[in-house]
Amino acid sequence: DAAAQRLFYFMQQAGRLEKNAGVDVHGKPNRRFYLEKLDTS
């Protein structure tokens, strides 16, 4: 639960940065965040 809350906190931060950057003339975000999942085999 703590791990999920920590990731949610980071995603909230990234989401706000993405939103505050606004969009271009075509309506696409000026700044877009991505997430990467790594899993050990």
Full PDB file with SEQRES, HELIX, SHEET, SSBOND, CRYST1, ORIGX, SCALE, CONECT and MASTER records, all heavy atoms in Angstrom:
SEQRES   1 A   41  ASP ALA ALA ALA GLN ARG LEU PHE TYR PHE MET GLN GLN          
SEQRES   2 A   41  ALA GLY ARG LEU GLU LYS ASN ALA GLY VAL ASP VAL HIS          
SEQRES   3 A   41  GLY LYS PRO ASN ARG ARG PHE TYR LEU GLU LYS LEU ASP          
SEQRES   4 A   41  THR SER                                                      
HELIX    1 AA1 ALA A    2  ASN A   20  1                                  19    
CRYST1    1.000    1.000    1.000  90.00  90.00  90.00 P 1           1          
ORIGX1      1.000000  0.000000  0.000000        0.00000                         
ORIGX2      0.000000  1.000000  0.000000        0.00000                         
ORIGX3      0.000000  0.000000  1.000000        0.00000                         
SCALE1      1.000000  0.000000  0.000000        0.00000                         
SCALE2      0.000000  1.000000  0.000000        0.00000                         
SCALE3      0.000000  0.000000  1.000000        0.00000                         
ATOM      1  N   ASP A   1       0.830  -1.207   0.000  1.00  0.00           N  
ATOM      2  CA  ASP A   1       0.000   0.000   0.000  1.00  0.00           C  
ATOM      3  C   ASP A   1       0.867   1.260   0.000  1.00  0.00           C  
ATOM      4  O   ASP A   1       0.576   2.223  -0.715  1.00  0.00           O  
ATOM      5  CB  ASP A   1      -0.931   0.007   1.221  1.00  0.00           C  
ATOM      6  CG  ASP A   1      -1.986  -1.078   1.155  1.00  0.00           C  
ATOM      7  OD1 ASP A   1      -2.373  -1.468   0.029  1.00  0.00           O  
ATOM      8  OD2 ASP A   1      -2.422  -1.552   2.216  1.00  0.00           O  
ATOM      9  N   ALA A   2       1.926   1.240   0.795  1.00  0.00           N  
ATOM     10  CA  ALA A   2       2.840   2.389   0.833  1.00  0.00           C  
ATOM     11  C   ALA A   2       3.530   2.584  -0.516  1.00  0.00           C  
ATOM     12  O   ALA A   2       3.721   3.723  -0.976  1.00  0.00           O  
ATOM     13  CB  ALA A   2       3.885   2.195   1.936  1.00  0.00           C  
ATOM     14  N   ALA A   3       3.899   1.478  -1.161  1.00  0.00           N  
ATOM     15  CA  ALA A   3       4.536   1.576  -2.480  1.00  0.00           C  
ATOM     16  C   ALA A   3       3.578   2.188  -3.496  1.00  0.00           C  
ATOM     17  O   ALA A   3       3.966   3.041  -4.305  1.00  0.00           O  
ATOM     18  CB  ALA A   3       4.978   0.193  -2.942  1.00  0.00           C  
ATOM     19  N   ALA A   4       2.312   1.750  -3.471  1.00  0.00           N  
ATOM     20  CA  ALA A   4       1.320   2.281  -4.400  1.00  0.00           C  
ATOM     21  C   ALA A   4       1.082   3.768  -4.163  1.00  0.00           C  
ATOM     22  O   ALA A   4       0.966   4.554  -5.117  1.00  0.00           O  
ATOM     23  CB  ALA A   4       0.015   1.501  -4.260  1.00  0.00           C  
ATOM     24  N   GLN A   5       1.032   4.179  -2.897  1.00  0.00           N  
ATOM     25  CA  GLN A   5       0.817   5.592  -2.580  1.00  0.00           C  
ATOM     26  C   GLN A   5       2.001   6.448  -3.025  1.00  0.00           C  
ATOM     27  O   GLN A   5       1.836   7.578  -3.472  1.00  0.00           O  
ATOM     28  CB  GLN A   5       0.577   5.755  -1.074  1.00  0.00           C  
ATOM     29  CG  GLN A   5      -0.768   5.234  -0.605  1.00  0.00           C  
ATOM     30  CD  GLN A   5      -1.928   5.942  -1.284  1.00  0.00           C  
ATOM     31  OE1 GLN A   5      -1.985   7.173  -1.355  1.00  0.00           O  
ATOM     32  NE2 GLN A   5      -2.869   5.159  -1.800  1.00  0.00           N  
ATOM     33  N   ARG A   6       3.206   5.907  -2.893  1.00  0.00           N  
ATOM     34  CA  ARG A   6       4.387   6.650  -3.325  1.00  0.00           C  
ATOM     35  C   ARG A   6       4.381   6.854  -4.840  1.00  0.00           C  
ATOM     36  O   ARG A   6       4.668   7.944  -5.347  1.00  0.00           O  
ATOM     37  CB  ARG A   6       5.655   5.902  -2.903  1.00  0.00           C  
ATOM     38  CG  ARG A   6       6.955   6.615  -3.235  1.00  0.00           C  
ATOM     39  CD  ARG A   6       7.078   7.937  -2.507  1.00  0.00           C  
ATOM     40  NE  ARG A   6       8.438   8.464  -2.601  1.00  0.00           N  
ATOM     41  CZ  ARG A   6       8.794   9.682  -2.176  1.00  0.00           C  
ATOM     42  NH1 ARG A   6       7.890  10.484  -1.635  1.00  0.00           N  
ATOM     43  NH2 ARG A   6      10.044  10.098  -2.279  1.00  0.00           N  
ATOM     44  N   LEU A   7       4.050   5.795  -5.579  1.00  0.00           N  
ATOM     45  CA  LEU A   7       3.985   5.914  -7.028  1.00  0.00           C  
ATOM     46  C   LEU A   7       2.877   6.882  -7.434  1.00  0.00           C  
ATOM     47  O   LEU A   7       3.062   7.693  -8.350  1.00  0.00           O  
ATOM     48  CB  LEU A   7       3.747   4.544  -7.672  1.00  0.00           C  
ATOM     49  CG  LEU A   7       3.625   4.546  -9.198  1.00  0.00           C  
ATOM     50  CD1 LEU A   7       4.869   5.140  -9.852  1.00  0.00           C  
ATOM     51  CD2 LEU A   7       3.369   3.138  -9.721  1.00  0.00           C  
ATOM     52  N   PHE A   8       1.740   6.821  -6.760  1.00  0.00           N  
ATOM     53  CA  PHE A   8       0.640   7.742  -7.049  1.00  0.00           C  
ATOM     54  C   PHE A   8       1.084   9.194  -6.830  1.00  0.00           C  
ATOM     55  O   PHE A   8       0.771  10.090  -7.627  1.00  0.00           O  
ATOM     56  CB  PHE A   8      -0.561   7.414  -6.166  1.00  0.00           C  
ATOM     57  CG  PHE A   8      -1.751   8.300  -6.378  1.00  0.00           C  
ATOM     58  CD1 PHE A   8      -2.213   8.581  -7.652  1.00  0.00           C  
ATOM     59  CD2 PHE A   8      -2.424   8.854  -5.296  1.00  0.00           C  
ATOM     60  CE1 PHE A   8      -3.323   9.393  -7.868  1.00  0.00           C  
ATOM     61  CE2 PHE A   8      -3.531   9.663  -5.486  1.00  0.00           C  
ATOM     62  CZ  PHE A   8      -3.981   9.946  -6.775  1.00  0.00           C  
ATOM     63  N   TYR A   9       1.848   9.435  -5.754  1.00  0.00           N  
ATOM     64  CA  TYR A   9       2.360  10.773  -5.470  1.00  0.00           C  
ATOM     65  C   TYR A   9       3.256  11.261  -6.609  1.00  0.00           C  
ATOM     66  O   TYR A   9       3.130  12.406  -7.070  1.00  0.00           O  
ATOM     67  CB  TYR A   9       3.128  10.751  -4.151  1.00  0.00           C  
ATOM     68  CG  TYR A   9       3.889  12.011  -3.836  1.00  0.00           C  
ATOM     69  CD1 TYR A   9       3.215  13.173  -3.463  1.00  0.00           C  
ATOM     70  CD2 TYR A   9       5.282  12.043  -3.911  1.00  0.00           C  
ATOM     71  CE1 TYR A   9       3.916  14.341  -3.176  1.00  0.00           C  
ATOM     72  CE2 TYR A   9       5.989  13.197  -3.623  1.00  0.00           C  
ATOM     73  CZ  TYR A   9       5.298  14.340  -3.254  1.00  0.00           C  
ATOM     74  OH  TYR A   9       5.995  15.495  -2.973  1.00  0.00           O  
ATOM     75  N   PHE A  10       4.155  10.395  -7.081  1.00  0.00           N  
ATOM     76  CA  PHE A  10       5.030  10.767  -8.194  1.00  0.00           C  
ATOM     77  C   PHE A  10       4.224  11.032  -9.462  1.00  0.00           C  
ATOM     78  O   PHE A  10       4.505  11.980 -10.209  1.00  0.00           O  
ATOM     79  CB  PHE A  10       6.041   9.652  -8.458  1.00  0.00           C  
ATOM     80  CG  PHE A  10       7.212   9.637  -7.516  1.00  0.00           C  
ATOM     81  CD1 PHE A  10       7.962   8.480  -7.341  1.00  0.00           C  
ATOM     82  CD2 PHE A  10       7.578  10.771  -6.809  1.00  0.00           C  
ATOM     83  CE1 PHE A  10       9.055   8.457  -6.488  1.00  0.00           C  
ATOM     84  CE2 PHE A  10       8.670  10.761  -5.938  1.00  0.00           C  
ATOM     85  CZ  PHE A  10       9.407   9.607  -5.788  1.00  0.00           C  
ATOM     86  N   MET A  11       3.226  10.187  -9.732  1.00  0.00           N  
ATOM     87  CA  MET A  11       2.413  10.357 -10.938  1.00  0.00           C  
ATOM     88  C   MET A  11       1.567  11.623 -10.862  1.00  0.00           C  
ATOM     89  O   MET A  11       1.331  12.278 -11.886  1.00  0.00           O  
ATOM     90  CB  MET A  11       1.551   9.113 -11.161  1.00  0.00           C  
ATOM     91  CG  MET A  11       2.368   7.877 -11.540  1.00  0.00           C  
ATOM     92  SD  MET A  11       1.394   6.366 -11.738  1.00  0.00           S  
ATOM     93  CE  MET A  11       0.424   6.745 -13.206  1.00  0.00           C  
ATOM     94  N   GLN A  12       1.113  11.971  -9.669  1.00  0.00           N  
ATOM     95  CA  GLN A  12       0.403  13.240  -9.500  1.00  0.00           C  
ATOM     96  C   GLN A  12       1.312  14.422  -9.840  1.00  0.00           C  
ATOM     97  O   GLN A  12       0.902  15.364 -10.532  1.00  0.00           O  
ATOM     98  CB  GLN A  12      -0.097  13.383  -8.058  1.00  0.00           C  
ATOM     99  CG  GLN A  12      -1.343  12.580  -7.722  1.00  0.00           C  
ATOM    100  CD  GLN A  12      -1.758  12.796  -6.282  1.00  0.00           C  
ATOM    101  OE1 GLN A  12      -0.952  12.661  -5.359  1.00  0.00           O  
ATOM    102  NE2 GLN A  12      -3.012  13.131  -6.071  1.00  0.00           N  
ATOM    103  N   GLN A  13       2.550  14.384  -9.329  1.00  0.00           N  
ATOM    104  CA  GLN A  13       3.511  15.452  -9.615  1.00  0.00           C  
ATOM    105  C   GLN A  13       3.760  15.577 -11.119  1.00  0.00           C  
ATOM    106  O   GLN A  13       3.719  16.680 -11.686  1.00  0.00           O  
ATOM    107  CB  GLN A  13       4.833  15.172  -8.900  1.00  0.00           C  
ATOM    108  CG  GLN A  13       4.815  15.433  -7.415  1.00  0.00           C  
ATOM    109  CD  GLN A  13       6.213  15.359  -6.818  1.00  0.00           C  
ATOM    110  OE1 GLN A  13       7.098  14.681  -7.341  1.00  0.00           O  
ATOM    111  NE2 GLN A  13       6.432  16.077  -5.729  1.00  0.00           N  
ATOM    112  N   ALA A  14       4.023  14.431 -11.760  1.00  0.00           N  
ATOM    113  CA  ALA A  14       4.294  14.440 -13.198  1.00  0.00           C  
ATOM    114  C   ALA A  14       3.071  14.907 -13.978  1.00  0.00           C  
ATOM    115  O   ALA A  14       3.193  15.647 -14.962  1.00  0.00           O  
ATOM    116  CB  ALA A  14       4.706  13.038 -13.653  1.00  0.00           C  
ATOM    117  N   GLY A  15       1.888  14.490 -13.534  1.00  0.00           N  
ATOM    118  CA  GLY A  15       0.660  14.900 -14.198  1.00  0.00           C  
ATOM    119  C   GLY A  15       0.440  16.406 -14.128  1.00  0.00           C  
ATOM    120  O   GLY A  15      -0.007  17.028 -15.106  1.00  0.00           O  
ATOM    121  N   ARG A  16       0.769  17.005 -12.979  1.00  0.00           N  
ATOM    122  CA  ARG A  16       0.615  18.457 -12.835  1.00  0.00           C  
ATOM    123  C   ARG A  16       1.605  19.202 -13.732  1.00  0.00           C  
ATOM    124  O   ARG A  16       1.258  20.218 -14.354  1.00  0.00           O  
ATOM    125  CB  ARG A  16       0.809  18.862 -11.372  1.00  0.00           C  
ATOM    126  CG  ARG A  16      -0.409  18.586 -10.496  1.00  0.00           C  
ATOM    127  CD  ARG A  16      -0.304  19.299  -9.163  1.00  0.00           C  
ATOM    128  NE  ARG A  16       0.764  18.741  -8.336  1.00  0.00           N  
ATOM    129  CZ  ARG A  16       0.594  17.791  -7.441  1.00  0.00           C  
ATOM    130  NH1 ARG A  16      -0.618  17.268  -7.258  1.00  0.00           N  
ATOM    131  NH2 ARG A  16       1.597  17.354  -6.713  1.00  0.00           N  
ATOM    132  N   LEU A  17       2.839  18.692 -13.787  1.00  0.00           N  
ATOM    133  CA  LEU A  17       3.836  19.323 -14.666  1.00  0.00           C  
ATOM    134  C   LEU A  17       3.396  19.253 -16.125  1.00  0.00           C  
ATOM    135  O   LEU A  17       3.564  20.211 -16.890  1.00  0.00           O  
ATOM    136  CB  LEU A  17       5.195  18.630 -14.499  1.00  0.00           C  
ATOM    137  CG  LEU A  17       5.908  18.841 -13.157  1.00  0.00           C  
ATOM    138  CD1 LEU A  17       7.139  17.944 -13.068  1.00  0.00           C  
ATOM    139  CD2 LEU A  17       6.308  20.307 -12.987  1.00  0.00           C  
ATOM    140  N   GLU A  18       2.830  18.127 -16.501  1.00  0.00           N  
ATOM    141  CA  GLU A  18       2.339  17.944 -17.860  1.00  0.00           C  
ATOM    142  C   GLU A  18       1.195  18.910 -18.153  1.00  0.00           C  
ATOM    143  O   GLU A  18       1.156  19.551 -19.221  1.00  0.00           O  
ATOM    144  CB  GLU A  18       1.875  16.492 -18.021  1.00  0.00           C  
ATOM    145  CG  GLU A  18       1.624  16.055 -19.442  1.00  0.00           C  
ATOM    146  CD  GLU A  18       1.297  14.568 -19.519  1.00  0.00           C  
ATOM    147  OE1 GLU A  18       0.126  14.203 -19.278  1.00  0.00           O  
ATOM    148  OE2 GLU A  18       2.198  13.778 -19.805  1.00  0.00           O  
ATOM    149  N   LYS A  19       0.291  19.049 -17.203  1.00  0.00           N  
ATOM    150  CA  LYS A  19      -0.872  19.933 -17.386  1.00  0.00           C  
ATOM    151  C   LYS A  19      -0.455  21.399 -17.426  1.00  0.00           C  
ATOM    152  O   LYS A  19      -0.947  22.189 -18.249  1.00  0.00           O  
ATOM    153  CB  LYS A  19      -1.869  19.701 -16.257  1.00  0.00           C  
ATOM    154  CG  LYS A  19      -3.150  20.499 -16.386  1.00  0.00           C  
ATOM    155  CD  LYS A  19      -4.117  20.166 -15.252  1.00  0.00           C  
ATOM    156  CE  LYS A  19      -5.402  20.973 -15.380  1.00  0.00           C  
ATOM    157  NZ  LYS A  19      -6.348  20.663 -14.275  1.00  0.00           N  
ATOM    158  N   ASN A  20       0.480  21.787 -16.538  1.00  0.00           N  
ATOM    159  CA  ASN A  20       0.909  23.188 -16.470  1.00  0.00           C  
ATOM    160  C   ASN A  20       1.660  23.633 -17.718  1.00  0.00           C  
ATOM    161  O   ASN A  20       1.747  24.836 -18.010  1.00  0.00           O  
ATOM    162  CB  ASN A  20       1.792  23.409 -15.242  1.00  0.00           C  
ATOM    163  CG  ASN A  20       1.013  23.272 -13.943  1.00  0.00           C  
ATOM    164  OD1 ASN A  20      -0.212  23.370 -13.933  1.00  0.00           O  
ATOM    165  ND2 ASN A  20       1.717  23.018 -12.840  1.00  0.00           N  
ATOM    166  N   ALA A  21       2.226  22.678 -18.459  1.00  0.00           N  
ATOM    167  CA  ALA A  21       2.957  23.016 -19.681  1.00  0.00           C  
ATOM    168  C   ALA A  21       2.026  23.406 -20.818  1.00  0.00           C  
ATOM    169  O   ALA A  21       2.468  23.982 -21.831  1.00  0.00           O  
ATOM    170  CB  ALA A  21       3.853  21.855 -20.105  1.00  0.00           C  
ATOM    171  N   GLY A  22       0.742  23.102 -20.675  1.00  0.00           N  
ATOM    172  CA  GLY A  22      -0.236  23.478 -21.681  1.00  0.00           C  
ATOM    173  C   GLY A  22      -0.169  22.623 -22.946  1.00  0.00           C  
ATOM    174  O   GLY A  22       0.489  21.580 -22.985  1.00  0.00           O  
ATOM    175  N   VAL A  23      -0.853  23.082 -24.000  1.00  0.00           N  
ATOM    176  CA  VAL A  23      -0.902  22.350 -25.264  1.00  0.00           C  
ATOM    177  C   VAL A  23      -0.488  23.262 -26.410  1.00  0.00           C  
ATOM    178  O   VAL A  23      -0.509  24.485 -26.292  1.00  0.00           O  
ATOM    179  CB  VAL A  23      -2.318  21.797 -25.520  1.00  0.00           C  
ATOM    180  CG1 VAL A  23      -2.713  20.783 -24.455  1.00  0.00           C  
ATOM    181  CG2 VAL A  23      -3.339  22.935 -25.581  1.00  0.00           C  
ATOM    182  N   ASP A  24      -0.122  22.633 -27.542  1.00  0.00           N  
ATOM    183  CA  ASP A  24       0.261  23.423 -28.700  1.00  0.00           C  
ATOM    184  C   ASP A  24      -0.978  23.777 -29.531  1.00  0.00           C  
ATOM    185  O   ASP A  24      -2.113  23.499 -29.118  1.00  0.00           O  
ATOM    186  CB  ASP A  24       1.304  22.674 -29.541  1.00  0.00           C  
ATOM    187  CG  ASP A  24       0.781  21.337 -30.066  1.00  0.00           C  
ATOM    188  OD1 ASP A  24      -0.468  21.140 -30.093  1.00  0.00           O  
ATOM    189  OD2 ASP A  24       1.605  20.492 -30.472  1.00  0.00           O  
ATOM    190  N   VAL A  25      -0.768  24.348 -30.690  1.00  0.00           N  
ATOM    191  CA  VAL A  25      -1.881  24.800 -31.528  1.00  0.00           C  
ATOM    192  C   VAL A  25      -2.738  23.642 -32.022  1.00  0.00           C  
ATOM    193  O   VAL A  25      -3.891  23.820 -32.422  1.00  0.00           O  
ATOM    194  CB  VAL A  25      -1.353  25.610 -32.745  1.00  0.00           C  
ATOM    195  CG1 VAL A  25      -0.731  26.910 -32.266  1.00  0.00           C  
ATOM    196  CG2 VAL A  25      -0.351  24.790 -33.554  1.00  0.00           C  
ATOM    197  N   HIS A  26      -2.183  22.441 -32.003  1.00  0.00           N  
ATOM    198  CA  HIS A  26      -2.925  21.260 -32.439  1.00  0.00           C  
ATOM    199  C   HIS A  26      -3.597  20.526 -31.272  1.00  0.00           C  
ATOM    200  O   HIS A  26      -4.191  19.467 -31.463  1.00  0.00           O  
ATOM    201  CB  HIS A  26      -1.984  20.291 -33.165  1.00  0.00           C  
ATOM    202  CG  HIS A  26      -1.298  20.900 -34.359  1.00  0.00           C  
ATOM    203  ND1 HIS A  26      -1.966  21.248 -35.508  1.00  0.00           N  
ATOM    204  CD2 HIS A  26       0.012  21.246 -34.554  1.00  0.00           C  
ATOM    205  CE1 HIS A  26      -1.117  21.760 -36.374  1.00  0.00           C  
ATOM    206  NE2 HIS A  26       0.093  21.777 -35.820  1.00  0.00           N  
ATOM    207  N   GLY A  27      -3.474  21.097 -30.075  1.00  0.00           N  
ATOM    208  CA  GLY A  27      -4.109  20.494 -28.908  1.00  0.00           C  
ATOM    209  C   GLY A  27      -3.301  19.381 -28.270  1.00  0.00           C  
ATOM    210  O   GLY A  27      -3.786  18.702 -27.367  1.00  0.00           O  
ATOM    211  N   LYS A  28      -2.055  19.215 -28.710  1.00  0.00           N  
ATOM    212  CA  LYS A  28      -1.205  18.181 -28.126  1.00  0.00           C  
ATOM    213  C   LYS A  28      -0.393  18.773 -26.983  1.00  0.00           C  
ATOM    214  O   LYS A  28       0.017  19.933 -27.028  1.00  0.00           O  
ATOM    215  CB  LYS A  28      -0.255  17.614 -29.187  1.00  0.00           C  
ATOM    216  CG  LYS A  28      -0.974  16.862 -30.302  1.00  0.00           C  
ATOM    217  CD  LYS A  28       0.027  16.275 -31.298  1.00  0.00           C  
ATOM    218  CE  LYS A  28      -0.694  15.503 -32.398  1.00  0.00           C  
ATOM    219  NZ  LYS A  28       0.273  14.924 -33.369  1.00  0.00           N  
ATOM    220  N   PRO A  29      -0.143  17.973 -25.931  1.00  0.00           N  
ATOM    221  CA  PRO A  29       0.609  18.484 -24.772  1.00  0.00           C  
ATOM    222  C   PRO A  29       2.008  18.963 -25.174  1.00  0.00           C  
ATOM    223  O   PRO A  29       2.690  18.321 -25.978  1.00  0.00           O  
ATOM    224  CB  PRO A  29       0.711  17.272 -23.841  1.00  0.00           C  
ATOM    225  CG  PRO A  29      -0.399  16.361 -24.266  1.00  0.00           C  
ATOM    226  CD  PRO A  29      -0.561  16.572 -25.744  1.00  0.00           C  
ATOM    227  N   ASN A  30       2.408  20.117 -24.629  1.00  0.00           N  
ATOM    228  CA  ASN A  30       3.761  20.607 -24.861  1.00  0.00           C  
ATOM    229  C   ASN A  30       4.801  19.763 -24.135  1.00  0.00           C  
ATOM    230  O   ASN A  30       5.971  19.724 -24.526  1.00  0.00           O  
ATOM    231  CB  ASN A  30       3.871  22.064 -24.397  1.00  0.00           C  
ATOM    232  CG  ASN A  30       3.111  23.003 -25.309  1.00  0.00           C  
ATOM    233  OD1 ASN A  30       3.125  22.846 -26.541  1.00  0.00           O  
ATOM    234  ND2 ASN A  30       2.425  23.986 -24.731  1.00  0.00           N  
ATOM    235  N   ARG A  31       4.372  19.129 -23.068  1.00  0.00           N  
ATOM    236  CA  ARG A  31       5.266  18.267 -22.302  1.00  0.00           C  
ATOM    237  C   ARG A  31       4.506  16.986 -21.951  1.00  0.00           C  
ATOM    238  O   ARG A  31       3.428  17.060 -21.358  1.00  0.00           O  
ATOM    239  CB  ARG A  31       5.730  18.965 -21.029  1.00  0.00           C  
ATOM    240  CG  ARG A  31       6.824  18.227 -20.267  1.00  0.00           C  
ATOM    241  CD  ARG A  31       7.216  18.998 -19.012  1.00  0.00           C  
ATOM    242  NE  ARG A  31       8.367  18.391 -18.337  1.00  0.00           N  
ATOM    243  CZ  ARG A  31       8.843  18.791 -17.152  1.00  0.00           C  
ATOM    244  NH1 ARG A  31       8.255  19.812 -16.527  1.00  0.00           N  
ATOM    245  NH2 ARG A  31       9.880  18.182 -16.609  1.00  0.00           N  
ATOM    246  N   ARG A  32       5.037  15.870 -22.314  1.00  0.00           N  
ATOM    247  CA  ARG A  32       4.356  14.597 -22.049  1.00  0.00           C  
ATOM    248  C   ARG A  32       5.270  13.679 -21.240  1.00  0.00           C  
ATOM    249  O   ARG A  32       6.432  13.487 -21.580  1.00  0.00           O  
ATOM    250  CB  ARG A  32       3.957  13.920 -23.355  1.00  0.00           C  
ATOM    251  CG  ARG A  32       3.406  12.512 -23.184  1.00  0.00           C  
ATOM    252  CD  ARG A  32       2.803  11.991 -24.452  1.00  0.00           C  
ATOM    253  NE  ARG A  32       1.535  12.645 -24.747  1.00  0.00           N  
ATOM    254  CZ  ARG A  32       0.782  12.357 -25.809  1.00  0.00           C  
ATOM    255  NH1 ARG A  32       1.195  11.450 -26.682  1.00  0.00           N  
ATOM    256  NH2 ARG A  32      -0.347  12.976 -26.006  1.00  0.00           N  
ATOM    257  N   PHE A  33       4.707  13.120 -20.171  1.00  0.00           N  
ATOM    258  CA  PHE A  33       5.457  12.178 -19.341  1.00  0.00           C  
ATOM    259  C   PHE A  33       5.125  10.746 -19.732  1.00  0.00           C  
ATOM    260  O   PHE A  33       4.019  10.444 -20.191  1.00  0.00           O  
ATOM    261  CB  PHE A  33       5.120  12.386 -17.854  1.00  0.00           C  
ATOM    262  CG  PHE A  33       5.974  13.421 -17.186  1.00  0.00           C  
ATOM    263  CD1 PHE A  33       5.671  14.772 -17.318  1.00  0.00           C  
ATOM    264  CD2 PHE A  33       7.084  13.049 -16.440  1.00  0.00           C  
ATOM    265  CE1 PHE A  33       6.456  15.738 -16.704  1.00  0.00           C  
ATOM    266  CE2 PHE A  33       7.874  14.007 -15.833  1.00  0.00           C  
ATOM    267  CZ  PHE A  33       7.564  15.347 -15.956  1.00  0.00           C  
ATOM    268  N   TYR A  34       6.114   9.891 -19.521  1.00  0.00           N  
ATOM    269  CA  TYR A  34       5.962   8.458 -19.792  1.00  0.00           C  
ATOM    270  C   TYR A  34       6.362   7.682 -18.538  1.00  0.00           C  
ATOM    271  O   TYR A  34       7.113   8.180 -17.692  1.00  0.00           O  
ATOM    272  CB  TYR A  34       6.858   8.030 -20.957  1.00  0.00           C  
ATOM    273  CG  TYR A  34       6.566   8.743 -22.248  1.00  0.00           C  
ATOM    274  CD1 TYR A  34       7.198   9.953 -22.547  1.00  0.00           C  
ATOM    275  CD2 TYR A  34       5.656   8.223 -23.166  1.00  0.00           C  
ATOM    276  CE1 TYR A  34       6.932  10.624 -23.730  1.00  0.00           C  
ATOM    277  CE2 TYR A  34       5.387   8.882 -24.350  1.00  0.00           C  
ATOM    278  CZ  TYR A  34       6.022  10.087 -24.630  1.00  0.00           C  
ATOM    279  OH  TYR A  34       5.749  10.754 -25.804  1.00  0.00           O  
ATOM    280  N   LEU A  35       5.839   6.483 -18.449  1.00  0.00           N  
ATOM    281  CA  LEU A  35       6.256   5.606 -17.355  1.00  0.00           C  
ATOM    282  C   LEU A  35       6.855   4.334 -17.937  1.00  0.00           C  
ATOM    283  O   LEU A  35       6.462   3.871 -19.011  1.00  0.00           O  
ATOM    284  CB  LEU A  35       5.094   5.291 -16.415  1.00  0.00           C  
ATOM    285  CG  LEU A  35       3.787   4.709 -16.940  1.00  0.00           C  
ATOM    286  CD1 LEU A  35       3.880   3.205 -17.137  1.00  0.00           C  
ATOM    287  CD2 LEU A  35       2.655   5.033 -15.989  1.00  0.00           C  
ATOM    288  N   GLU A  36       7.823   3.803 -17.219  1.00  0.00           N  
ATOM    289  CA  GLU A  36       8.495   2.578 -17.630  1.00  0.00           C  
ATOM    290  C   GLU A  36       8.389   1.543 -16.524  1.00  0.00           C  
ATOM    291  O   GLU A  36       8.653   1.843 -15.359  1.00  0.00           O  
ATOM    292  CB  GLU A  36       9.969   2.860 -17.943  1.00  0.00           C  
ATOM    293  CG  GLU A  36      10.736   1.620 -18.387  1.00  0.00           C  
ATOM    294  CD  GLU A  36      12.124   1.963 -18.899  1.00  0.00           C  
ATOM    295  OE1 GLU A  36      12.790   2.833 -18.290  1.00  0.00           O  
ATOM    296  OE2 GLU A  36      12.541   1.378 -19.919  1.00  0.00           O  
ATOM    297  N   LYS A  37       7.989   0.346 -16.898  1.00  0.00           N  
ATOM    298  CA  LYS A  37       7.897  -0.771 -15.948  1.00  0.00           C  
ATOM    299  C   LYS A  37       9.018  -1.756 -16.261  1.00  0.00           C  
ATOM    300  O   LYS A  37       9.186  -2.175 -17.412  1.00  0.00           O  
ATOM    301  CB  LYS A  37       6.540  -1.464 -16.097  1.00  0.00           C  
ATOM    302  CG  LYS A  37       6.363  -2.735 -15.269  1.00  0.00           C  
ATOM    303  CD  LYS A  37       6.110  -2.413 -13.823  1.00  0.00           C  
ATOM    304  CE  LYS A  37       5.796  -3.678 -13.024  1.00  0.00           C  
ATOM    305  NZ  LYS A  37       4.523  -4.315 -13.436  1.00  0.00           N  
ATOM    306  N   LEU A  38       9.786  -2.110 -15.233  1.00  0.00           N  
ATOM    307  CA  LEU A  38      10.858  -3.100 -15.369  1.00  0.00           C  
ATOM    308  C   LEU A  38      10.561  -4.274 -14.447  1.00  0.00           C  
ATOM    309  O   LEU A  38      10.277  -4.076 -13.258  1.00  0.00           O  
ATOM    310  CB  LEU A  38      12.220  -2.491 -15.015  1.00  0.00           C  
ATOM    311  CG  LEU A  38      12.659  -1.269 -15.828  1.00  0.00           C  
ATOM    312  CD1 LEU A  38      14.013  -0.772 -15.326  1.00  0.00           C  
ATOM    313  CD2 LEU A  38      12.728  -1.603 -17.311  1.00  0.00           C  
ATOM    314  N   ASP A  39      10.624  -5.463 -14.979  1.00  0.00           N  
ATOM    315  CA  ASP A  39      10.337  -6.675 -14.211  1.00  0.00           C  
ATOM    316  C   ASP A  39      11.458  -7.687 -14.441  1.00  0.00           C  
ATOM    317  O   ASP A  39      11.840  -7.946 -15.582  1.00  0.00           O  
ATOM    318  CB  ASP A  39       8.991  -7.262 -14.637  1.00  0.00           C  
ATOM    319  CG  ASP A  39       8.640  -8.541 -13.890  1.00  0.00           C  
ATOM    320  OD1 ASP A  39       8.015  -8.422 -12.823  1.00  0.00           O  
ATOM    321  OD2 ASP A  39       8.996  -9.630 -14.365  1.00  0.00           O  
ATOM    322  N   THR A  40      11.970  -8.253 -13.354  1.00  0.00           N  
ATOM    323  CA  THR A  40      13.057  -9.235 -13.461  1.00  0.00           C  
ATOM    324  C   THR A  40      12.494 -10.606 -13.800  1.00  0.00           C  
ATOM    325  O   THR A  40      11.521 -11.056 -13.193  1.00  0.00           O  
ATOM    326  CB  THR A  40      13.852  -9.313 -12.148  1.00  0.00           C  
ATOM    327  OG1 THR A  40      14.290  -8.000 -11.793  1.00  0.00           O  
ATOM    328  CG2 THR A  40      15.057 -10.230 -12.302  1.00  0.00           C  
ATOM    329  N   SER A  41      13.095 -11.266 -14.751  1.00  0.00           N  
ATOM    330  CA  SER A  41      12.625 -12.574 -15.198  1.00  0.00           C  
ATOM    331  C   SER A  41      12.832 -13.629 -14.114  1.00  0.00           C  
ATOM    332  O   SER A  41      13.956 -13.866 -13.674  1.00  0.00           O  
ATOM    333  CB  SER A  41      13.376 -12.971 -16.480  1.00  0.00           C  
ATOM    334  OG  SER A  41      12.935 -14.209 -16.958  1.00  0.00           O  
TER     335      SER A  41                                                      
MASTER        0    0    0    1    0    0    0    6  334    1    0    4          
END                                                                             
